[in-house]
């Protein structure tokens, strides 16, 4: 399976946290990354997003259908994210639009077997896949991209 972790783009400060919209910079970041993702994602990619406004606005830039999941809301646990996507047994590709530190913690669990201080830049993507070599499961980084690189 492919797991694409997309951190929401730059958002306004304020309260309540779930209602914070993207900034103008954030909308541009989301549009650039969405264009790159749309050029690379399989057509049947399953897309999940946090119900927070900033993640929905980021996901909206893709122009594809997605579902929101409370297990991806701010403060979610990395293990819950991995369970929501069905890692590593689901087939195909799953794109998650979410938050730090959850995305970084999920990535570090897959890459290092423990949570570490791994951060994905606002509007950035980390694309992971899994495979088995011999009898050893492996997590492979397929791409790491920021909106500023595009």
N, C-alpha and C. Protein backbone atom coordinates (compact mmCIF):
# COMPACT_ATOMS: atom_id res chain seq x y z
N UNK A 1 0.84 -1.19 0.00
CA UNK A 1 0.00 0.00 0.00
C UNK A 1 0.87 1.23 0.00
N UNK A 2 0.37 2.30 -0.58
CA UNK A 2 1.02 3.60 -0.52
C UNK A 2 0.26 4.45 0.48
N UNK A 3 1.00 5.15 1.33
CA UNK A 3 0.43 6.06 2.31
C UNK A 3 1.04 7.42 2.07
N UNK A 4 0.21 8.39 1.70
CA UNK A 4 0.67 9.74 1.42
C UNK A 4 0.16 10.63 2.54
N UNK A 5 1.09 11.22 3.27
CA UNK A 5 0.78 12.09 4.39
C UNK A 5 0.94 13.54 3.94
N UNK A 6 -0.15 14.30 3.94
CA UNK A 6 -0.14 15.69 3.48
C UNK A 6 -0.52 16.58 4.65
N UNK A 7 0.44 17.36 5.11
CA UNK A 7 0.13 18.30 6.20
C UNK A 7 -0.64 19.48 5.64
N UNK A 8 -1.67 19.92 6.36
CA UNK A 8 -2.45 21.06 5.91
C UNK A 8 -1.53 22.25 5.64
N UNK A 9 -1.95 23.10 4.74
CA UNK A 9 -1.19 24.28 4.38
C UNK A 9 -1.29 25.34 5.49
N UNK A 10 -0.57 26.43 5.31
CA UNK A 10 -0.51 27.50 6.30
C UNK A 10 -1.91 28.01 6.64
N UNK A 11 -2.19 28.12 7.94
CA UNK A 11 -3.51 28.51 8.42
C UNK A 11 -3.42 29.72 9.33
N UNK A 12 -4.53 30.43 9.44
CA UNK A 12 -4.62 31.57 10.35
C UNK A 12 -4.56 31.10 11.79
N UNK A 13 -4.04 31.95 12.65
CA UNK A 13 -4.07 31.68 14.08
C UNK A 13 -5.46 31.99 14.61
N UNK A 14 -5.77 31.45 15.77
CA UNK A 14 -7.04 31.81 16.39
C UNK A 14 -7.76 30.64 17.01
N UNK A 15 -8.91 30.93 17.53
CA UNK A 15 -9.78 29.96 18.20
C UNK A 15 -11.19 30.10 17.63
N UNK A 16 -11.98 29.08 17.61
CA UNK A 16 -11.62 27.71 17.97
C UNK A 16 -10.71 27.08 16.91
N UNK A 17 -9.86 26.21 17.37
CA UNK A 17 -8.84 25.59 16.52
C UNK A 17 -9.43 24.90 15.30
N UNK A 18 -10.55 24.22 15.45
CA UNK A 18 -11.15 23.47 14.35
C UNK A 18 -11.68 24.36 13.23
N UNK A 19 -11.84 25.66 13.50
CA UNK A 19 -12.43 26.59 12.52
C UNK A 19 -11.40 27.48 11.84
N UNK A 20 -10.11 27.22 12.05
CA UNK A 20 -9.07 28.10 11.46
C UNK A 20 -8.95 27.86 9.96
N UNK A 21 -9.17 28.90 9.13
CA UNK A 21 -9.05 28.74 7.68
C UNK A 21 -7.60 28.90 7.21
N UNK A 22 -7.36 28.56 5.96
CA UNK A 22 -6.05 28.78 5.36
C UNK A 22 -5.81 30.27 5.14
N UNK A 23 -4.55 30.65 5.18
CA UNK A 23 -4.16 32.00 4.80
C UNK A 23 -4.06 32.06 3.27
N UNK A 24 -3.83 33.25 2.72
CA UNK A 24 -3.59 33.36 1.28
C UNK A 24 -2.38 32.52 0.89
N UNK A 25 -1.33 32.58 1.69
CA UNK A 25 -0.14 31.75 1.45
C UNK A 25 -0.51 30.27 1.47
N UNK A 26 -1.34 29.88 2.43
CA UNK A 26 -1.77 28.50 2.55
C UNK A 26 -2.57 28.02 1.34
N UNK A 27 -3.44 28.88 0.82
CA UNK A 27 -4.21 28.50 -0.37
C UNK A 27 -3.28 28.27 -1.56
N UNK A 28 -2.26 29.11 -1.70
CA UNK A 28 -1.28 28.93 -2.79
C UNK A 28 -0.49 27.64 -2.59
N UNK A 29 -0.08 27.37 -1.34
CA UNK A 29 0.64 26.11 -1.05
C UNK A 29 -0.23 24.91 -1.42
N UNK A 30 -1.48 24.95 -1.00
CA UNK A 30 -2.39 23.83 -1.27
C UNK A 30 -2.60 23.64 -2.76
N UNK A 31 -2.75 24.72 -3.51
CA UNK A 31 -2.95 24.62 -4.95
C UNK A 31 -1.72 24.02 -5.65
N UNK A 32 -0.52 24.46 -5.26
CA UNK A 32 0.71 23.92 -5.88
C UNK A 32 0.86 22.43 -5.58
N UNK A 33 0.66 22.06 -4.31
CA UNK A 33 0.82 20.66 -3.95
C UNK A 33 -0.28 19.80 -4.57
N UNK A 34 -1.49 20.33 -4.63
CA UNK A 34 -2.59 19.58 -5.25
C UNK A 34 -2.28 19.31 -6.72
N UNK A 35 -1.72 20.27 -7.42
CA UNK A 35 -1.37 20.05 -8.83
C UNK A 35 -0.34 18.93 -8.95
N UNK A 36 0.65 18.93 -8.07
CA UNK A 36 1.67 17.87 -8.11
C UNK A 36 1.04 16.52 -7.77
N UNK A 37 0.23 16.49 -6.72
CA UNK A 37 -0.42 15.24 -6.32
C UNK A 37 -1.32 14.71 -7.43
N UNK A 38 -2.12 15.57 -8.03
CA UNK A 38 -3.02 15.12 -9.09
C UNK A 38 -2.26 14.54 -10.29
N UNK A 39 -1.04 15.00 -10.50
CA UNK A 39 -0.23 14.46 -11.59
C UNK A 39 0.38 13.10 -11.23
N UNK A 40 0.43 12.76 -9.93
CA UNK A 40 1.11 11.54 -9.50
C UNK A 40 0.23 10.51 -8.80
N UNK A 41 -0.88 10.93 -8.21
CA UNK A 41 -1.74 9.99 -7.48
C UNK A 41 -2.49 9.08 -8.44
N UNK A 42 -2.63 7.81 -8.07
CA UNK A 42 -3.52 6.94 -8.84
C UNK A 42 -4.95 7.49 -8.78
N UNK A 43 -5.72 7.26 -9.82
CA UNK A 43 -7.10 7.77 -9.90
C UNK A 43 -7.97 7.26 -8.75
N UNK A 44 -7.72 6.02 -8.30
CA UNK A 44 -8.55 5.41 -7.26
C UNK A 44 -8.01 5.62 -5.84
N UNK A 45 -7.17 6.63 -5.65
CA UNK A 45 -6.64 6.91 -4.32
C UNK A 45 -7.77 7.25 -3.37
N UNK A 46 -7.76 6.60 -2.21
CA UNK A 46 -8.72 6.91 -1.15
C UNK A 46 -8.18 8.11 -0.38
N UNK A 47 -9.01 9.11 -0.12
CA UNK A 47 -8.56 10.34 0.53
C UNK A 47 -9.34 10.55 1.81
N UNK A 48 -8.59 10.72 2.90
CA UNK A 48 -9.16 10.98 4.23
C UNK A 48 -8.60 12.29 4.74
N UNK A 49 -9.43 13.08 5.40
CA UNK A 49 -8.98 14.35 5.95
C UNK A 49 -9.53 14.54 7.35
N UNK A 50 -8.77 15.27 8.13
CA UNK A 50 -9.25 15.72 9.43
C UNK A 50 -10.48 16.60 9.18
N UNK A 51 -11.40 16.65 10.13
CA UNK A 51 -12.56 17.52 9.96
C UNK A 51 -12.26 19.00 10.19
N UNK A 52 -11.04 19.35 10.58
CA UNK A 52 -10.69 20.76 10.79
C UNK A 52 -10.79 21.53 9.47
N UNK A 53 -11.22 22.78 9.56
CA UNK A 53 -11.44 23.59 8.36
C UNK A 53 -10.18 23.69 7.50
N UNK A 54 -9.02 23.88 8.11
CA UNK A 54 -7.78 24.05 7.34
C UNK A 54 -7.40 22.80 6.56
N UNK A 55 -7.71 21.63 7.10
CA UNK A 55 -7.40 20.40 6.35
C UNK A 55 -8.42 20.19 5.24
N UNK A 56 -9.67 20.52 5.49
CA UNK A 56 -10.68 20.39 4.43
C UNK A 56 -10.38 21.36 3.29
N UNK A 57 -9.97 22.59 3.61
CA UNK A 57 -9.62 23.54 2.57
C UNK A 57 -8.39 23.07 1.78
N UNK A 58 -7.43 22.46 2.47
CA UNK A 58 -6.26 21.90 1.79
C UNK A 58 -6.70 20.78 0.85
N UNK A 59 -7.51 19.87 1.35
CA UNK A 59 -8.00 18.74 0.53
C UNK A 59 -8.86 19.22 -0.63
N UNK A 60 -9.63 20.28 -0.42
CA UNK A 60 -10.49 20.82 -1.48
C UNK A 60 -9.68 21.21 -2.72
N UNK A 61 -8.44 21.62 -2.52
CA UNK A 61 -7.60 22.04 -3.65
C UNK A 61 -7.38 20.91 -4.65
N UNK A 62 -7.52 19.65 -4.21
CA UNK A 62 -7.36 18.50 -5.11
C UNK A 62 -8.50 18.38 -6.11
N UNK A 63 -9.68 18.82 -5.72
CA UNK A 63 -10.82 18.67 -6.59
C UNK A 63 -11.29 17.22 -6.70
N UNK A 64 -11.01 16.42 -5.68
CA UNK A 64 -11.43 15.02 -5.64
C UNK A 64 -12.31 14.80 -4.42
N UNK A 65 -13.09 13.74 -4.45
CA UNK A 65 -13.91 13.38 -3.30
C UNK A 65 -13.02 12.88 -2.17
N UNK A 66 -13.40 13.21 -0.94
CA UNK A 66 -12.69 12.72 0.23
C UNK A 66 -13.67 12.58 1.38
N UNK A 67 -13.25 11.85 2.39
CA UNK A 67 -14.05 11.68 3.59
C UNK A 67 -13.30 12.28 4.76
N UNK A 68 -14.05 12.87 5.70
CA UNK A 68 -13.42 13.34 6.93
C UNK A 68 -13.53 12.23 7.97
N UNK A 69 -12.57 12.23 8.88
CA UNK A 69 -12.51 11.19 9.91
C UNK A 69 -12.05 11.83 11.21
N UNK A 70 -12.85 11.70 12.26
CA UNK A 70 -12.49 12.27 13.56
C UNK A 70 -11.20 11.69 14.12
N UNK A 71 -10.82 10.48 13.67
CA UNK A 71 -9.56 9.88 14.12
C UNK A 71 -8.35 10.65 13.60
N UNK A 72 -8.57 11.63 12.72
CA UNK A 72 -7.48 12.42 12.15
C UNK A 72 -7.49 13.87 12.65
N UNK A 73 -8.39 14.18 13.58
CA UNK A 73 -8.50 15.55 14.11
C UNK A 73 -7.22 15.94 14.85
N UNK A 74 -7.02 17.26 15.10
CA UNK A 74 -5.84 17.67 15.85
C UNK A 74 -5.72 16.91 17.16
N UNK A 75 -4.51 16.51 17.47
CA UNK A 75 -4.26 15.75 18.70
C UNK A 75 -4.45 14.26 18.56
N UNK A 76 -4.78 13.78 17.37
CA UNK A 76 -5.00 12.35 17.16
C UNK A 76 -3.70 11.57 17.41
N UNK A 77 -3.86 10.32 17.76
CA UNK A 77 -2.70 9.46 17.96
C UNK A 77 -2.28 8.82 16.64
N UNK A 78 -0.99 8.67 16.48
CA UNK A 78 -0.45 8.09 15.25
C UNK A 78 -1.01 6.69 15.00
N UNK A 79 -1.16 5.91 16.05
CA UNK A 79 -1.69 4.55 15.90
C UNK A 79 -3.12 4.57 15.36
N UNK A 80 -3.90 5.58 15.76
CA UNK A 80 -5.26 5.69 15.25
C UNK A 80 -5.26 6.05 13.76
N UNK A 81 -4.35 6.91 13.35
CA UNK A 81 -4.22 7.24 11.94
C UNK A 81 -3.90 5.98 11.13
N UNK A 82 -2.92 5.21 11.59
CA UNK A 82 -2.53 3.99 10.87
C UNK A 82 -3.66 2.97 10.81
N UNK A 83 -4.44 2.89 11.89
CA UNK A 83 -5.60 2.00 11.89
C UNK A 83 -6.67 2.50 10.91
N UNK A 84 -6.89 3.81 10.86
CA UNK A 84 -7.91 4.37 9.97
C UNK A 84 -7.60 4.10 8.50
N UNK A 85 -6.31 4.07 8.15
CA UNK A 85 -5.94 3.84 6.75
C UNK A 85 -5.74 2.36 6.43
N UNK A 86 -5.64 1.52 7.47
CA UNK A 86 -5.46 0.09 7.26
C UNK A 86 -4.02 -0.32 6.96
N UNK A 87 -3.05 0.48 7.42
CA UNK A 87 -1.64 0.17 7.21
C UNK A 87 -1.27 -1.10 7.95
N UNK A 88 -0.55 -2.01 7.34
CA UNK A 88 0.02 -2.03 5.99
C UNK A 88 -0.80 -2.88 5.02
N UNK A 89 -1.96 -3.36 5.46
CA UNK A 89 -2.66 -4.39 4.70
C UNK A 89 -3.64 -3.88 3.64
N UNK A 90 -4.01 -2.61 3.70
CA UNK A 90 -4.95 -2.09 2.69
C UNK A 90 -4.27 -2.10 1.32
N UNK A 91 -5.06 -2.18 0.31
CA UNK A 91 -4.49 -2.16 -1.04
C UNK A 91 -4.62 -0.75 -1.62
N UNK A 92 -3.83 -0.49 -2.63
CA UNK A 92 -3.90 0.80 -3.31
C UNK A 92 -3.21 1.90 -2.53
N UNK A 93 -3.66 3.12 -2.77
CA UNK A 93 -3.07 4.31 -2.16
C UNK A 93 -4.09 5.02 -1.29
N UNK A 94 -3.60 5.56 -0.17
CA UNK A 94 -4.43 6.35 0.73
C UNK A 94 -3.70 7.66 1.00
N UNK A 95 -4.40 8.76 0.78
CA UNK A 95 -3.88 10.10 1.07
C UNK A 95 -4.56 10.59 2.33
N UNK A 96 -3.76 11.02 3.32
CA UNK A 96 -4.28 11.56 4.57
C UNK A 96 -3.89 13.03 4.64
N UNK A 97 -4.88 13.90 4.80
CA UNK A 97 -4.63 15.32 5.00
C UNK A 97 -4.83 15.58 6.49
N UNK A 98 -3.75 15.92 7.17
CA UNK A 98 -3.84 16.01 8.62
C UNK A 98 -2.90 17.04 9.23
N UNK A 99 -2.50 16.75 10.47
CA UNK A 99 -1.83 17.72 11.34
C UNK A 99 -0.53 17.16 11.91
N UNK A 100 0.32 18.10 12.32
CA UNK A 100 1.45 17.78 13.17
C UNK A 100 0.95 17.85 14.61
N UNK A 101 1.46 17.06 15.53
CA UNK A 101 2.55 16.11 15.34
C UNK A 101 2.11 14.73 14.85
N UNK A 102 0.81 14.53 14.66
CA UNK A 102 0.31 13.19 14.32
C UNK A 102 0.96 12.62 13.06
N UNK A 103 1.03 13.41 11.99
CA UNK A 103 1.61 12.90 10.75
C UNK A 103 3.07 12.50 10.93
N UNK A 104 3.84 13.35 11.58
CA UNK A 104 5.24 13.03 11.82
C UNK A 104 5.43 11.81 12.72
N UNK A 105 4.57 11.69 13.72
CA UNK A 105 4.64 10.52 14.60
C UNK A 105 4.30 9.24 13.85
N UNK A 106 3.29 9.30 12.97
CA UNK A 106 2.94 8.12 12.18
C UNK A 106 4.10 7.74 11.25
N UNK A 107 4.69 8.73 10.60
CA UNK A 107 5.82 8.46 9.71
C UNK A 107 6.99 7.88 10.49
N UNK A 108 7.30 8.43 11.65
CA UNK A 108 8.44 7.91 12.42
C UNK A 108 8.18 6.51 12.94
N UNK A 109 6.93 6.20 13.30
CA UNK A 109 6.61 4.82 13.70
C UNK A 109 6.90 3.85 12.56
N UNK A 110 6.52 4.24 11.34
CA UNK A 110 6.73 3.36 10.19
C UNK A 110 8.20 3.27 9.79
N UNK A 111 8.91 4.37 9.91
CA UNK A 111 10.31 4.38 9.48
C UNK A 111 11.29 3.88 10.54
N UNK A 112 11.01 4.18 11.82
CA UNK A 112 11.96 3.88 12.88
C UNK A 112 11.44 2.93 13.95
N UNK A 113 10.15 2.61 13.90
CA UNK A 113 9.57 1.73 14.91
C UNK A 113 9.25 2.40 16.22
N UNK A 114 9.38 3.72 16.27
CA UNK A 114 9.07 4.49 17.47
C UNK A 114 8.76 5.93 17.06
N UNK A 115 8.08 6.65 17.95
CA UNK A 115 7.80 8.05 17.62
C UNK A 115 9.03 8.89 17.95
N UNK A 116 9.39 9.70 16.98
CA UNK A 116 10.51 10.63 17.12
C UNK A 116 10.04 12.00 16.67
N UNK A 117 10.91 12.98 16.84
CA UNK A 117 10.57 14.35 16.46
C UNK A 117 10.67 14.58 14.96
N UNK A 118 9.86 13.91 14.20
CA UNK A 118 9.85 14.07 12.75
C UNK A 118 8.70 15.01 12.39
N UNK A 119 9.00 16.03 11.60
CA UNK A 119 7.98 17.01 11.25
C UNK A 119 7.86 17.13 9.74
N UNK A 120 6.65 17.29 9.27
CA UNK A 120 6.37 17.55 7.86
C UNK A 120 6.01 19.03 7.76
N UNK A 121 6.67 19.73 6.87
CA UNK A 121 6.45 21.17 6.70
C UNK A 121 5.01 21.46 6.29
N UNK A 122 4.47 22.61 6.69
CA UNK A 122 3.10 22.98 6.32
C UNK A 122 2.94 22.91 4.81
N UNK A 123 1.90 22.22 4.37
CA UNK A 123 1.64 22.04 2.94
C UNK A 123 2.48 20.96 2.30
N UNK A 124 3.36 20.31 3.07
CA UNK A 124 4.27 19.29 2.54
C UNK A 124 3.68 17.90 2.54
N UNK A 125 4.33 17.03 1.76
CA UNK A 125 3.89 15.65 1.58
C UNK A 125 5.04 14.70 1.86
N UNK A 126 4.72 13.61 2.53
CA UNK A 126 5.63 12.48 2.67
C UNK A 126 4.90 11.26 2.14
N UNK A 127 5.46 10.61 1.11
CA UNK A 127 4.83 9.48 0.43
C UNK A 127 5.60 8.23 0.81
N UNK A 128 4.92 7.31 1.48
CA UNK A 128 5.52 6.06 1.95
C UNK A 128 4.85 4.87 1.29
N UNK A 129 5.58 3.78 1.16
CA UNK A 129 5.01 2.53 0.70
C UNK A 129 5.61 1.41 1.54
N UNK A 130 5.02 0.24 1.47
CA UNK A 130 5.57 -0.89 2.21
C UNK A 130 5.87 -2.03 1.25
N UNK A 131 6.81 -2.84 1.63
CA UNK A 131 7.17 -4.01 0.86
C UNK A 131 7.80 -5.03 1.81
N UNK A 132 7.96 -6.24 1.32
CA UNK A 132 8.63 -7.29 2.08
C UNK A 132 9.84 -7.73 1.27
N UNK A 133 11.02 -7.69 1.89
CA UNK A 133 12.26 -8.16 1.28
C UNK A 133 12.71 -9.36 2.09
N UNK A 134 12.85 -10.50 1.41
CA UNK A 134 13.08 -11.73 2.16
C UNK A 134 11.82 -11.97 2.95
N UNK A 135 11.93 -11.98 4.25
CA UNK A 135 10.74 -12.06 5.11
C UNK A 135 10.62 -10.82 5.98
N UNK A 136 11.41 -9.79 5.64
CA UNK A 136 11.46 -8.57 6.45
C UNK A 136 10.60 -7.47 5.85
N UNK A 137 9.56 -7.03 6.59
CA UNK A 137 8.76 -5.90 6.09
C UNK A 137 9.59 -4.61 6.14
N UNK A 138 9.40 -3.78 5.13
CA UNK A 138 10.12 -2.51 5.04
C UNK A 138 9.16 -1.39 4.70
N UNK A 139 9.47 -0.21 5.21
CA UNK A 139 8.79 1.01 4.80
C UNK A 139 9.76 1.78 3.93
N UNK A 140 9.28 2.22 2.78
CA UNK A 140 10.12 2.90 1.80
C UNK A 140 9.58 4.31 1.57
N UNK A 141 10.48 5.28 1.56
CA UNK A 141 10.10 6.65 1.21
C UNK A 141 10.10 6.77 -0.30
N UNK A 142 8.94 7.05 -0.87
CA UNK A 142 8.83 7.23 -2.33
C UNK A 142 9.04 8.68 -2.72
N UNK A 143 8.60 9.61 -1.88
CA UNK A 143 8.76 11.04 -2.17
C UNK A 143 8.61 11.85 -0.90
N UNK A 144 9.32 12.96 -0.86
CA UNK A 144 9.16 13.97 0.18
C UNK A 144 9.17 15.29 -0.57
N UNK A 145 8.11 16.07 -0.42
CA UNK A 145 7.94 17.26 -1.24
C UNK A 145 7.35 18.38 -0.39
N UNK A 146 7.82 19.60 -0.64
CA UNK A 146 7.19 20.77 -0.03
C UNK A 146 6.62 21.65 -1.14
N UNK A 147 5.68 22.48 -0.80
CA UNK A 147 5.08 23.38 -1.80
C UNK A 147 6.12 24.33 -2.35
N UNK A 148 7.10 24.71 -1.55
CA UNK A 148 8.14 25.63 -2.00
C UNK A 148 9.06 25.00 -3.04
N UNK A 149 9.11 23.68 -3.10
CA UNK A 149 9.93 22.99 -4.09
C UNK A 149 9.28 22.98 -5.47
N UNK A 150 8.00 23.28 -5.53
CA UNK A 150 7.26 23.19 -6.78
C UNK A 150 7.21 24.53 -7.51
